[in-house]
PDB file of all heavy atoms in Angstrom:
ATOM      1  N   TYR A   1     -25.165   1.534 -28.592  1.00  0.00           N
ATOM      2  CA  TYR A   1     -23.830   2.171 -28.562  1.00  0.00           C
ATOM      3  C   TYR A   1     -22.788   1.363 -27.816  1.00  0.00           C
ATOM      4  O   TYR A   1     -21.626   1.765 -27.766  1.00  0.00           O
ATOM      5  CB  TYR A   1     -23.954   3.562 -27.946  1.00  0.00           C
ATOM      6  CG  TYR A   1     -24.665   4.542 -28.851  1.00  0.00           C
ATOM      7  CD1 TYR A   1     -25.993   4.909 -28.601  1.00  0.00           C
ATOM      8  CD2 TYR A   1     -24.044   5.091 -29.956  1.00  0.00           C
ATOM      9  CE1 TYR A   1     -26.651   5.803 -29.421  1.00  0.00           C
ATOM     10  CE2 TYR A   1     -24.705   5.997 -30.787  1.00  0.00           C
ATOM     11  CZ  TYR A   1     -26.002   6.334 -30.519  1.00  0.00           C
ATOM     12  OH  TYR A   1     -26.657   7.225 -31.342  1.00  0.00           O
ATOM     13  N   GLY A   2     -23.163   0.268 -27.192  1.00  0.00           N
ATOM     14  CA  GLY A   2     -22.202  -0.544 -26.477  1.00  0.00           C
ATOM     15  C   GLY A   2     -21.609   0.139 -25.271  1.00  0.00           C
ATOM     16  O   GLY A   2     -20.410   0.047 -25.007  1.00  0.00           O
ATOM     17  N   VAL A   3     -22.477   0.870 -24.526  1.00  0.00           N
ATOM     18  CA  VAL A   3     -22.034   1.587 -23.342  1.00  0.00           C
ATOM     19  C   VAL A   3     -22.881   1.195 -22.137  1.00  0.00           C
ATOM     20  O   VAL A   3     -23.912   0.533 -22.280  1.00  0.00           O
ATOM     21  CB  VAL A   3     -22.085   3.121 -23.547  1.00  0.00           C
ATOM     22  CG1 VAL A   3     -21.103   3.560 -24.623  1.00  0.00           C
ATOM     23  CG2 VAL A   3     -23.507   3.566 -23.918  1.00  0.00           C
ATOM     24  N   SER A   4     -22.457   1.653 -20.961  1.00  0.00           N
ATOM     25  CA  SER A   4     -23.175   1.301 -19.728  1.00  0.00           C
ATOM     26  C   SER A   4     -24.290   2.316 -19.449  1.00  0.00           C
ATOM     27  O   SER A   4     -24.334   3.402 -20.044  1.00  0.00           O
ATOM     28  CB  SER A   4     -22.205   1.299 -18.547  1.00  0.00           C
ATOM     29  OG  SER A   4     -21.696   2.618 -18.321  1.00  0.00           O
ATOM     30  N   ARG A   5     -25.165   1.962 -18.518  1.00  0.00           N
ATOM     31  CA  ARG A   5     -26.255   2.877 -18.137  1.00  0.00           C
ATOM     32  C   ARG A   5     -25.737   4.210 -17.567  1.00  0.00           C
ATOM     33  O   ARG A   5     -26.296   5.257 -17.875  1.00  0.00           O
ATOM     34  CB  ARG A   5     -27.187   2.187 -17.132  1.00  0.00           C
ATOM     35  CG  ARG A   5     -28.169   1.209 -17.787  1.00  0.00           C
ATOM     36  CD  ARG A   5     -29.099   0.598 -16.766  1.00  0.00           C
ATOM     37  NE  ARG A   5     -30.014  -0.360 -17.398  1.00  0.00           N
ATOM     38  CZ  ARG A   5     -31.224  -0.069 -17.838  1.00  0.00           C
ATOM     39  NH1 ARG A   5     -31.686   1.174 -17.713  1.00  0.00           N
ATOM     40  NH2 ARG A   5     -31.997  -0.993 -18.383  1.00  0.00           N
ATOM     41  N   PRO A   6     -24.674   4.210 -16.712  1.00  0.00           N
ATOM     42  CA  PRO A   6     -24.182   5.502 -16.231  1.00  0.00           C
ATOM     43  C   PRO A   6     -23.730   6.421 -17.359  1.00  0.00           C
ATOM     44  O   PRO A   6     -23.927   7.645 -17.278  1.00  0.00           O
ATOM     45  CB  PRO A   6     -23.004   5.109 -15.316  1.00  0.00           C
ATOM     46  CG  PRO A   6     -23.359   3.741 -14.829  1.00  0.00           C
ATOM     47  CD  PRO A   6     -24.024   3.075 -15.996  1.00  0.00           C
ATOM     48  N   VAL A   7     -23.145   5.860 -18.408  1.00  0.00           N
ATOM     49  CA  VAL A   7     -22.728   6.667 -19.553  1.00  0.00           C
ATOM     50  C   VAL A   7     -23.958   7.281 -20.232  1.00  0.00           C
ATOM     51  O   VAL A   7     -23.985   8.478 -20.555  1.00  0.00           O
ATOM     52  CB  VAL A   7     -21.925   5.818 -20.574  1.00  0.00           C
ATOM     53  CG1 VAL A   7     -21.775   6.549 -21.898  1.00  0.00           C
ATOM     54  CG2 VAL A   7     -20.562   5.468 -19.987  1.00  0.00           C
ATOM     55  N   VAL A   8     -24.988   6.474 -20.429  1.00  0.00           N
ATOM     56  CA  VAL A   8     -26.223   6.962 -21.069  1.00  0.00           C
ATOM     57  C   VAL A   8     -26.852   8.044 -20.201  1.00  0.00           C
ATOM     58  O   VAL A   8     -27.276   9.096 -20.710  1.00  0.00           O
ATOM     59  CB  VAL A   8     -27.206   5.798 -21.292  1.00  0.00           C
ATOM     60  CG1 VAL A   8     -28.593   6.330 -21.681  1.00  0.00           C
ATOM     61  CG2 VAL A   8     -26.678   4.850 -22.361  1.00  0.00           C
ATOM     62  N   ARG A   9     -26.913   7.828 -18.904  1.00  0.00           N
ATOM     63  CA  ARG A   9     -27.562   8.802 -18.017  1.00  0.00           C
ATOM     64  C   ARG A   9     -26.816  10.126 -18.003  1.00  0.00           C
ATOM     65  O   ARG A   9     -27.430  11.195 -17.980  1.00  0.00           O
ATOM     66  CB  ARG A   9     -27.670   8.218 -16.602  1.00  0.00           C
ATOM     67  CG  ARG A   9     -28.723   7.117 -16.501  1.00  0.00           C
ATOM     68  CD  ARG A   9     -28.652   6.366 -15.200  1.00  0.00           C
ATOM     69  NE  ARG A   9     -29.614   5.282 -15.192  1.00  0.00           N
ATOM     70  CZ  ARG A   9     -29.585   4.274 -14.325  1.00  0.00           C
ATOM     71  NH1 ARG A   9     -28.632   4.224 -13.374  1.00  0.00           N
ATOM     72  NH2 ARG A   9     -30.492   3.306 -14.383  1.00  0.00           N
ATOM     73  N   GLU A  10     -25.483  10.069 -18.031  1.00  0.00           N
ATOM     74  CA  GLU A  10     -24.692  11.295 -18.044  1.00  0.00           C
ATOM     75  C   GLU A  10     -24.928  12.071 -19.336  1.00  0.00           C
ATOM     76  O   GLU A  10     -25.067  13.291 -19.327  1.00  0.00           O
ATOM     77  CB  GLU A  10     -23.204  10.990 -17.876  1.00  0.00           C
ATOM     78  CG  GLU A  10     -22.353  12.244 -17.767  1.00  0.00           C
ATOM     79  CD  GLU A  10     -20.884  11.960 -17.558  1.00  0.00           C
ATOM     80  OE1 GLU A  10     -20.533  10.803 -17.217  1.00  0.00           O
ATOM     81  OE2 GLU A  10     -20.072  12.881 -17.727  1.00  0.00           O
ATOM     82  N   ALA A  11     -24.962  11.371 -20.450  1.00  0.00           N
ATOM     83  CA  ALA A  11     -25.199  12.017 -21.745  1.00  0.00           C
ATOM     84  C   ALA A  11     -26.594  12.651 -21.781  1.00  0.00           C
ATOM     85  O   ALA A  11     -26.763  13.793 -22.252  1.00  0.00           O
ATOM     86  CB  ALA A  11     -25.053  11.010 -22.887  1.00  0.00           C
ATOM     87  N   ILE A  12     -27.608  11.940 -21.277  1.00  0.00           N
ATOM     88  CA  ILE A  12     -28.970  12.466 -21.257  1.00  0.00           C
ATOM     89  C   ILE A  12     -29.053  13.685 -20.330  1.00  0.00           C
ATOM     90  O   ILE A  12     -29.701  14.684 -20.663  1.00  0.00           O
ATOM     91  CB  ILE A  12     -29.979  11.386 -20.798  1.00  0.00           C
ATOM     92  CG1 ILE A  12     -30.013  10.225 -21.796  1.00  0.00           C
ATOM     93  CG2 ILE A  12     -31.377  11.984 -20.642  1.00  0.00           C
ATOM     94  CD1 ILE A  12     -30.413  10.595 -23.207  1.00  0.00           C
ATOM     95  N   PHE A  13     -28.378  13.626 -19.193  1.00  0.00           N
ATOM     96  CA  PHE A  13     -28.346  14.773 -18.284  1.00  0.00           C
ATOM     97  C   PHE A  13     -27.770  15.997 -18.993  1.00  0.00           C
ATOM     98  O   PHE A  13     -28.277  17.119 -18.863  1.00  0.00           O
ATOM     99  CB  PHE A  13     -27.537  14.455 -17.040  1.00  0.00           C
ATOM    100  CG  PHE A  13     -27.371  15.634 -16.117  1.00  0.00           C
ATOM    101  CD1 PHE A  13     -28.374  16.000 -15.239  1.00  0.00           C
ATOM    102  CD2 PHE A  13     -26.205  16.404 -16.148  1.00  0.00           C
ATOM    103  CE1 PHE A  13     -28.245  17.099 -14.409  1.00  0.00           C
ATOM    104  CE2 PHE A  13     -26.057  17.511 -15.321  1.00  0.00           C
ATOM    105  CZ  PHE A  13     -27.079  17.861 -14.437  1.00  0.00           C
ATOM    106  N   ARG A  14     -26.694  15.796 -19.749  1.00  0.00           N
ATOM    107  CA  ARG A  14     -26.063  16.893 -20.480  1.00  0.00           C
ATOM    108  C   ARG A  14     -27.031  17.475 -21.514  1.00  0.00           C
ATOM    109  O   ARG A  14     -27.144  18.687 -21.674  1.00  0.00           O
ATOM    110  CB  ARG A  14     -24.810  16.349 -21.156  1.00  0.00           C
ATOM    111  CG  ARG A  14     -24.017  17.301 -22.005  1.00  0.00           C
ATOM    112  CD  ARG A  14     -23.137  18.190 -21.172  1.00  0.00           C
ATOM    113  NE  ARG A  14     -23.758  19.483 -20.958  1.00  0.00           N
ATOM    114  CZ  ARG A  14     -23.628  20.204 -19.880  1.00  0.00           C
ATOM    115  NH1 ARG A  14     -22.927  19.774 -18.849  1.00  0.00           N
ATOM    116  NH2 ARG A  14     -24.215  21.363 -19.758  1.00  0.00           N
ATOM    117  N   LEU A  15     -27.731  16.610 -22.210  1.00  0.00           N
ATOM    118  CA  LEU A  15     -28.724  17.047 -23.211  1.00  0.00           C
ATOM    119  C   LEU A  15     -29.850  17.829 -22.537  1.00  0.00           C
ATOM    120  O   LEU A  15     -30.336  18.832 -23.091  1.00  0.00           O
ATOM    121  CB  LEU A  15     -29.281  15.850 -23.962  1.00  0.00           C
ATOM    122  CG  LEU A  15     -28.312  15.120 -24.899  1.00  0.00           C
ATOM    123  CD1 LEU A  15     -28.850  13.732 -25.245  1.00  0.00           C
ATOM    124  CD2 LEU A  15     -28.076  15.920 -26.174  1.00  0.00           C
ATOM    125  N   GLN A  16     -30.278  17.378 -21.366  1.00  0.00           N
ATOM    126  CA  GLN A  16     -31.319  18.078 -20.616  1.00  0.00           C
ATOM    127  C   GLN A  16     -30.831  19.463 -20.177  1.00  0.00           C
ATOM    128  O   GLN A  16     -31.554  20.463 -20.289  1.00  0.00           O
ATOM    129  CB  GLN A  16     -31.741  17.276 -19.394  1.00  0.00           C
ATOM    130  CG  GLN A  16     -32.517  15.994 -19.722  1.00  0.00           C
ATOM    131  CD  GLN A  16     -32.725  15.110 -18.512  1.00  0.00           C
ATOM    132  OE1 GLN A  16     -31.928  15.134 -17.570  1.00  0.00           O
ATOM    133  NE2 GLN A  16     -33.801  14.326 -18.517  1.00  0.00           N
ATOM    134  N   ALA A  17     -29.606  19.511 -19.659  1.00  0.00           N
ATOM    135  CA  ALA A  17     -29.041  20.780 -19.196  1.00  0.00           C
ATOM    136  C   ALA A  17     -28.962  21.795 -20.321  1.00  0.00           C
ATOM    137  O   ALA A  17     -29.116  23.006 -20.090  1.00  0.00           O
ATOM    138  CB  ALA A  17     -27.650  20.542 -18.595  1.00  0.00           C
ATOM    139  N   ASP A  18     -28.734  21.322 -21.540  1.00  0.00           N
ATOM    140  CA  ASP A  18     -28.629  22.231 -22.692  1.00  0.00           C
ATOM    141  C   ASP A  18     -29.978  22.493 -23.353  1.00  0.00           C
ATOM    142  O   ASP A  18     -30.053  23.184 -24.377  1.00  0.00           O
ATOM    143  CB  ASP A  18     -27.645  21.646 -23.721  1.00  0.00           C
ATOM    144  CG  ASP A  18     -26.211  21.655 -23.212  1.00  0.00           C
ATOM    145  OD1 ASP A  18     -25.918  22.468 -22.322  1.00  0.00           O
ATOM    146  OD2 ASP A  18     -25.387  20.864 -23.714  1.00  0.00           O
ATOM    147  N   GLY A  19     -31.043  21.930 -22.789  1.00  0.00           N
ATOM    148  CA  GLY A  19     -32.379  22.190 -23.298  1.00  0.00           C
ATOM    149  C   GLY A  19     -32.713  21.500 -24.606  1.00  0.00           C
ATOM    150  O   GLY A  19     -33.693  21.849 -25.262  1.00  0.00           O
ATOM    151  N   LEU A  20     -31.927  20.498 -24.971  1.00  0.00           N
ATOM    152  CA  LEU A  20     -32.172  19.797 -26.231  1.00  0.00           C
ATOM    153  C   LEU A  20     -33.208  18.698 -26.088  1.00  0.00           C
ATOM    154  O   LEU A  20     -33.859  18.319 -27.075  1.00  0.00           O
ATOM    155  CB  LEU A  20     -30.864  19.227 -26.765  1.00  0.00           C
ATOM    156  CG  LEU A  20     -29.829  20.250 -27.222  1.00  0.00           C
ATOM    157  CD1 LEU A  20     -28.507  19.581 -27.581  1.00  0.00           C
ATOM    158  CD2 LEU A  20     -30.353  21.060 -28.393  1.00  0.00           C
ATOM    159  N   VAL A  21     -33.328  18.136 -24.904  1.00  0.00           N
ATOM    160  CA  VAL A  21     -34.350  17.106 -24.643  1.00  0.00           C
ATOM    161  C   VAL A  21     -35.037  17.431 -23.330  1.00  0.00           C
ATOM    162  O   VAL A  21     -34.518  18.183 -22.500  1.00  0.00           O
ATOM    163  CB  VAL A  21     -33.731  15.688 -24.582  1.00  0.00           C
ATOM    164  CG1 VAL A  21     -32.973  15.349 -25.853  1.00  0.00           C
ATOM    165  CG2 VAL A  21     -32.829  15.534 -23.358  1.00  0.00           C
ATOM    166  N   HIS A  22     -36.226  16.858 -23.160  1.00  0.00           N
ATOM    167  CA  HIS A  22     -36.904  16.963 -21.874  1.00  0.00           C
ATOM    168  C   HIS A  22     -37.500  15.598 -21.559  1.00  0.00           C
ATOM    169  O   HIS A  22     -37.867  14.834 -22.460  1.00  0.00           O
ATOM    170  CB  HIS A  22     -37.998  18.038 -21.887  1.00  0.00           C
ATOM    171  CG  HIS A  22     -39.085  17.796 -22.879  1.00  0.00           C
ATOM    172  ND1 HIS A  22     -40.229  17.083 -22.591  1.00  0.00           N
ATOM    173  CD2 HIS A  22     -39.207  18.174 -24.188  1.00  0.00           C
ATOM    174  CE1 HIS A  22     -41.000  17.029 -23.652  1.00  0.00           C
ATOM    175  NE2 HIS A  22     -40.411  17.669 -24.646  1.00  0.00           N
ATOM    176  N   THR A  23     -37.559  15.296 -20.264  1.00  0.00           N
ATOM    177  CA  THR A  23     -38.062  13.992 -19.823  1.00  0.00           C
ATOM    178  C   THR A  23     -39.431  14.136 -19.209  1.00  0.00           C
ATOM    179  O   THR A  23     -39.660  15.000 -18.358  1.00  0.00           O
ATOM    180  CB  THR A  23     -37.082  13.379 -18.802  1.00  0.00           C
ATOM    181  OG1 THR A  23     -35.796  13.206 -19.429  1.00  0.00           O
ATOM    182  CG2 THR A  23     -37.581  12.005 -18.329  1.00  0.00           C
ATOM    183  N   ARG A  24     -40.357  13.314 -19.676  1.00  0.00           N
ATOM    184  CA  ARG A  24     -41.694  13.261 -19.105  1.00  0.00           C
ATOM    185  C   ARG A  24     -41.751  12.073 -18.166  1.00  0.00           C
ATOM    186  O   ARG A  24     -41.445  10.947 -18.578  1.00  0.00           O
ATOM    187  CB  ARG A  24     -42.742  13.107 -20.215  1.00  0.00           C
ATOM    188  CG  ARG A  24     -42.738  14.211 -21.258  1.00  0.00           C
ATOM    189  CD  ARG A  24     -43.710  13.900 -22.384  1.00  0.00           C
ATOM    190  NE  ARG A  24     -43.547  14.798 -23.513  1.00  0.00           N
ATOM    191  CZ  ARG A  24     -44.102  14.608 -24.698  1.00  0.00           C
ATOM    192  NH1 ARG A  24     -44.854  13.530 -24.900  1.00  0.00           N
ATOM    193  NH2 ARG A  24     -43.893  15.458 -25.680  1.00  0.00           N
ATOM    194  N   HIS A  25     -42.087  12.332 -16.938  1.00  0.00           N
ATOM    195  CA  HIS A  25     -42.094  11.281 -15.925  1.00  0.00           C
ATOM    196  C   HIS A  25     -42.943  10.099 -16.376  1.00  0.00           C
ATOM    197  O   HIS A  25     -44.133  10.249 -16.679  1.00  0.00           O
ATOM    198  CB  HIS A  25     -42.591  11.818 -14.589  1.00  0.00           C
ATOM    199  CG  HIS A  25     -42.528  10.830 -13.472  1.00  0.00           C
ATOM    200  ND1 HIS A  25     -41.333  10.346 -12.976  1.00  0.00           N
ATOM    201  CD2 HIS A  25     -43.516  10.214 -12.775  1.00  0.00           C
ATOM    202  CE1 HIS A  25     -41.608   9.461 -12.008  1.00  0.00           C
ATOM    203  NE2 HIS A  25     -42.909   9.376 -11.868  1.00  0.00           N
ATOM    204  N   GLY A  26     -42.314   8.952 -16.451  1.00  0.00           N
ATOM    205  CA  GLY A  26     -43.012   7.735 -16.819  1.00  0.00           C
ATOM    206  C   GLY A  26     -43.261   7.558 -18.298  1.00  0.00           C
ATOM    207  O   GLY A  26     -43.819   6.529 -18.717  1.00  0.00           O
ATOM    208  N   ALA A  27     -42.870   8.562 -19.104  1.00  0.00           N
ATOM    209  CA  ALA A  27     -43.149   8.482 -20.539  1.00  0.00           C
ATOM    210  C   ALA A  27     -41.894   8.460 -21.401  1.00  0.00           C
ATOM    211  O   ALA A  27     -41.960   8.129 -22.580  1.00  0.00           O
ATOM    212  CB  ALA A  27     -44.033   9.664 -20.967  1.00  0.00           C
ATOM    213  N   GLY A  28     -40.742   8.844 -20.824  1.00  0.00           N
ATOM    214  CA  GLY A  28     -39.503   8.816 -21.595  1.00  0.00           C
ATOM    215  C   GLY A  28     -38.927  10.193 -21.838  1.00  0.00           C
ATOM    216  O   GLY A  28     -39.417  11.197 -21.328  1.00  0.00           O
ATOM    217  N   THR A  29     -37.890  10.222 -22.657  1.00  0.00           N
ATOM    218  CA  THR A  29     -37.172  11.452 -22.977  1.00  0.00           C
ATOM    219  C   THR A  29     -37.416  11.813 -24.427  1.00  0.00           C
ATOM    220  O   THR A  29     -37.275  10.969 -25.321  1.00  0.00           O
ATOM    221  CB  THR A  29     -35.668  11.282 -22.700  1.00  0.00           C
ATOM    222  OG1 THR A  29     -35.475  10.983 -21.300  1.00  0.00           O
ATOM    223  CG2 THR A  29     -34.900  12.561 -23.031  1.00  0.00           C
ATOM    224  N   TYR A  30     -37.759  13.080 -24.681  1.00  0.00           N
ATOM    225  CA  TYR A  30     -38.163  13.536 -26.007  1.00  0.00           C
ATOM    226  C   TYR A  30     -37.276  14.697 -26.480  1.00  0.00           C
ATOM    227  O   TYR A  30     -36.797  15.497 -25.672  1.00  0.00           O
ATOM    228  CB  TYR A  30     -39.615  13.988 -25.996  1.00  0.00           C
ATOM    229  CG  TYR A  30     -40.582  12.862 -25.744  1.00  0.00           C
ATOM    230  CD1 TYR A  30     -40.814  12.403 -24.448  1.00  0.00           C
ATOM    231  CD2 TYR A  30     -41.273  12.248 -26.788  1.00  0.00           C
ATOM    232  CE1 TYR A  30     -41.692  11.360 -24.196  1.00  0.00           C
ATOM    233  CE2 TYR A  30     -42.155  11.204 -26.549  1.00  0.00           C
ATOM    234  CZ  TYR A  30     -42.364  10.761 -25.246  1.00  0.00           C
ATOM    235  OH  TYR A  30     -43.231   9.723 -25.007  1.00  0.00           O
ATOM    236  N   VAL A  31     -37.086  14.779 -27.800  1.00  0.00           N
ATOM    237  CA  VAL A  31     -36.312  15.868 -28.382  1.00  0.00           C
ATOM    238  C   VAL A  31     -37.118  17.164 -28.241  1.00  0.00           C
ATOM    239  O   VAL A  31     -38.274  17.239 -28.658  1.00  0.00           O
ATOM    240  CB  VAL A  31     -36.011  15.604 -29.879  1.00  0.00           C
ATOM    241  CG1 VAL A  31     -35.266  16.796 -30.493  1.00  0.00           C
ATOM    242  CG2 VAL A  31     -35.202  14.323 -30.030  1.00  0.00           C
ATOM    243  N   ALA A  32     -36.499  18.184 -27.641  1.00  0.00           N
ATOM    244  CA  ALA A  32     -37.197  19.450 -27.385  1.00  0.00           C
ATOM    245  C   ALA A  32     -36.958  20.480 -28.486  1.00  0.00           C
ATOM    246  O   ALA A  32     -37.852  21.266 -28.801  1.00  0.00           O
ATOM    247  CB  ALA A  32     -36.749  20.029 -26.054  1.00  0.00           C
ATOM    248  N   LYS A  33     -35.759  20.511 -29.050  1.00  0.00           N
ATOM    249  CA  LYS A  33     -35.484  21.464 -30.124  1.00  0.00           C
ATOM    250  C   LYS A  33     -34.338  20.979 -30.972  1.00  0.00           C
ATOM    251  O   LYS A  33     -33.532  20.138 -30.557  1.00  0.00           O
ATOM    252  CB  LYS A  33     -35.169  22.857 -29.552  1.00  0.00           C
ATOM    253  CG  LYS A  33     -33.890  22.938 -28.716  1.00  0.00           C
ATOM    254  CD  LYS A  33     -33.688  24.358 -28.214  1.00  0.00           C
ATOM    255  CE  LYS A  33     -32.458  24.454 -27.320  1.00  0.00           C
ATOM    256  NZ  LYS A  33     -32.272  25.810 -26.783  1.00  0.00           N
ATOM    257  N   ARG A  34     -34.249  21.506 -32.179  1.00  0.00           N
ATOM    258  CA  ARG A  34     -33.227  21.125 -33.155  1.00  0.00           C
ATOM    259  C   ARG A  34     -32.338  22.317 -33.442  1.00  0.00           C
ATOM    260  O   ARG A  34     -32.776  23.299 -34.015  1.00  0.00           O
ATOM    261  CB  ARG A  34     -33.910  20.645 -34.455  1.00  0.00           C
ATOM    262  CG  ARG A  34     -32.942  20.319 -35.581  1.00  0.00           C
ATOM    263  CD  ARG A  34     -33.697  20.032 -36.866  1.00  0.00           C
ATOM    264  NE  ARG A  34     -32.782  19.771 -37.968  1.00  0.00           N
ATOM    265  CZ  ARG A  34     -32.226  20.701 -38.737  1.00  0.00           C
ATOM    266  NH1 ARG A  34     -32.492  21.991 -38.498  1.00  0.00           N
ATOM    267  NH2 ARG A  34     -31.416  20.375 -39.721  1.00  0.00           N
ATOM    268  N   PRO A  35     -31.060  22.245 -33.049  1.00  0.00           N
ATOM    269  CA  PRO A  35     -30.122  23.326 -33.400  1.00  0.00           C
ATOM    270  C   PRO A  35     -29.951  23.431 -34.932  1.00  0.00           C
ATOM    271  O   PRO A  35     -30.276  22.504 -35.663  1.00  0.00           O
ATOM    272  CB  PRO A  35     -28.800  22.904 -32.731  1.00  0.00           C
ATOM    273  CG  PRO A  35     -29.214  21.930 -31.666  1.00  0.00           C
ATOM    274  CD  PRO A  35     -30.416  21.220 -32.207  1.00  0.00           C
ATOM    275  N   ARG A  36     -29.430  24.542 -35.359  1.00  0.00           N
ATOM    276  CA  ARG A  36     -29.222  24.776 -36.787  1.00  0.00           C
ATOM    277  C   ARG A  36     -28.117  23.874 -37.330  1.00  0.00           C
ATOM    278  O   ARG A  36     -27.203  23.477 -36.606  1.00  0.00           O
ATOM    279  CB  ARG A  36     -28.880  26.237 -37.023  1.00  0.00           C
ATOM    280  CG  ARG A  36     -30.046  27.170 -36.764  1.00  0.00           C
ATOM    281  CD  ARG A  36     -29.610  28.598 -36.596  1.00  0.00           C
ATOM    282  NE  ARG A  36     -28.922  29.091 -37.775  1.00  0.00           N
ATOM    283  CZ  ARG A  36     -28.180  30.190 -37.792  1.00  0.00           C
ATOM    284  NH1 ARG A  36     -28.009  30.895 -36.684  1.00  0.00           N
ATOM    285  NH2 ARG A  36     -27.598  30.591 -38.901  1.00  0.00           N
ATOM    286  N   ASP A  37     -28.198  23.586 -38.635  1.00  0.00           N
ATOM    287  CA  ASP A  37     -27.213  22.715 -39.286  1.00  0.00           C
ATOM    288  C   ASP A  37     -25.800  23.226 -39.100  1.00  0.00           C
ATOM    289  O   ASP A  37     -24.853  22.440 -38.955  1.00  0.00           O
ATOM    290  CB  ASP A  37     -27.493  22.624 -40.797  1.00  0.00           C
ATOM    291  CG  ASP A  37     -28.817  21.919 -41.090  1.00  0.00           C
ATOM    292  OD1 ASP A  37     -29.306  21.195 -40.204  1.00  0.00           O
ATOM    293  OD2 ASP A  37     -29.338  22.090 -42.193  1.00  0.00           O
ATOM    294  N   GLU A  38     -25.631  24.549 -39.094  1.00  0.00           N
ATOM    295  CA  GLU A  38     -24.294  25.151 -38.992  1.00  0.00           C
ATOM    296  C   GLU A  38     -23.577  24.790 -37.701  1.00  0.00           C
ATOM    297  O   GLU A  38     -22.340  24.857 -37.643  1.00  0.00           O
ATOM    298  CB  GLU A  38     -24.379  26.678 -39.119  1.00  0.00           C
ATOM    299  CG  GLU A  38     -24.809  27.189 -40.464  1.00  0.00           C
ATOM    300  CD  GLU A  38     -26.312  27.314 -40.610  1.00  0.00           C
ATOM    301  OE1 GLU A  38     -27.040  26.735 -39.766  1.00  0.00           O
ATOM    302  OE2 GLU A  38     -26.749  28.015 -41.535  1.00  0.00           O
ATOM    303  N   PHE A  39     -24.328  24.442 -36.677  1.00  0.00           N
ATOM    304  CA  PHE A  39     -23.699  24.117 -35.399  1.00  0.00           C
ATOM    305  C   PHE A  39     -22.709  22.975 -35.537  1.00  0.00           C
ATOM    306  O   PHE A  39     -21.602  23.029 -35.017  1.00  0.00           O
ATOM    307  CB  PHE A  39     -24.773  23.774 -34.348  1.00  0.00           C
ATOM    308  CG  PHE A  39     -24.209  23.340 -33.027  1.00  0.00           C
ATOM    309  CD1 PHE A  39     -23.421  24.197 -32.287  1.00  0.00           C
ATOM    310  CD2 PHE A  39     -24.457  22.083 -32.513  1.00  0.00           C
ATOM    311  CE1 PHE A  39     -22.892  23.793 -31.060  1.00  0.00           C
ATOM    312  CE2 PHE A  39     -23.933  21.665 -31.293  1.00  0.00           C
ATOM    313  CZ  PHE A  39     -23.151  22.537 -30.573  1.00  0.00           C
ATOM    314  N   LEU A  40     -23.095  21.920 -36.272  1.00  0.00           N
ATOM    315  CA  LEU A  40     -22.197  20.781 -36.456  1.00  0.00           C
ATOM    316  C   LEU A  40     -20.937  21.178 -37.230  1.00  0.00           C
ATOM    317  O   LEU A  40     -19.854  20.656 -36.974  1.00  0.00           O
ATOM    318  CB  LEU A  40     -22.915  19.652 -37.196  1.00  0.00           C
ATOM    319  CG  LEU A  40     -23.919  18.831 -36.393  1.00  0.00           C
ATOM    320  CD1 LEU A  40     -24.466  17.697 -37.259  1.00  0.00           C
ATOM    321  CD2 LEU A  40     -23.314  18.275 -35.134  1.00  0.00           C
ATOM    322  N   ARG A  41     -21.091  22.093 -38.175  1.00  0.00           N
ATOM    323  CA  ARG A  41     -19.930  22.514 -38.973  1.00  0.00           C
ATOM    324  C   ARG A  41     -18.976  23.368 -38.143  1.00  0.00           C
ATOM    325  O   ARG A  41     -17.750  23.288 -38.304  1.00  0.00           O
ATOM    326  CB  ARG A  41     -20.426  23.313 -40.188  1.00  0.00           C
ATOM    327  CG  ARG A  41     -19.308  23.881 -41.068  1.00  0.00           C
ATOM    328  CD  ARG A  41     -19.860  24.559 -42.298  1.00  0.00           C
ATOM    329  NE  ARG A  41     -20.788  25.625 -41.980  1.00  0.00           N
ATOM    330  CZ  ARG A  41     -20.410  26.872 -41.677  1.00  0.00           C
ATOM    331  NH1 ARG A  41     -19.123  27.187 -41.611  1.00  0.00           N
ATOM    332  NH2 ARG A  41     -21.291  27.810 -41.424  1.00  0.00           N
TER     333      ARG A  41
END
């Protein structure tokens, strides 16, 4: 995406706060759930 690490970390934090991803210590960040298609619309 051509962005810095602080930008990435802030975005991931936001995704975690919304329950969309979860981070496994030492294993990475994984998608936790998929919102419905209508959300984007």
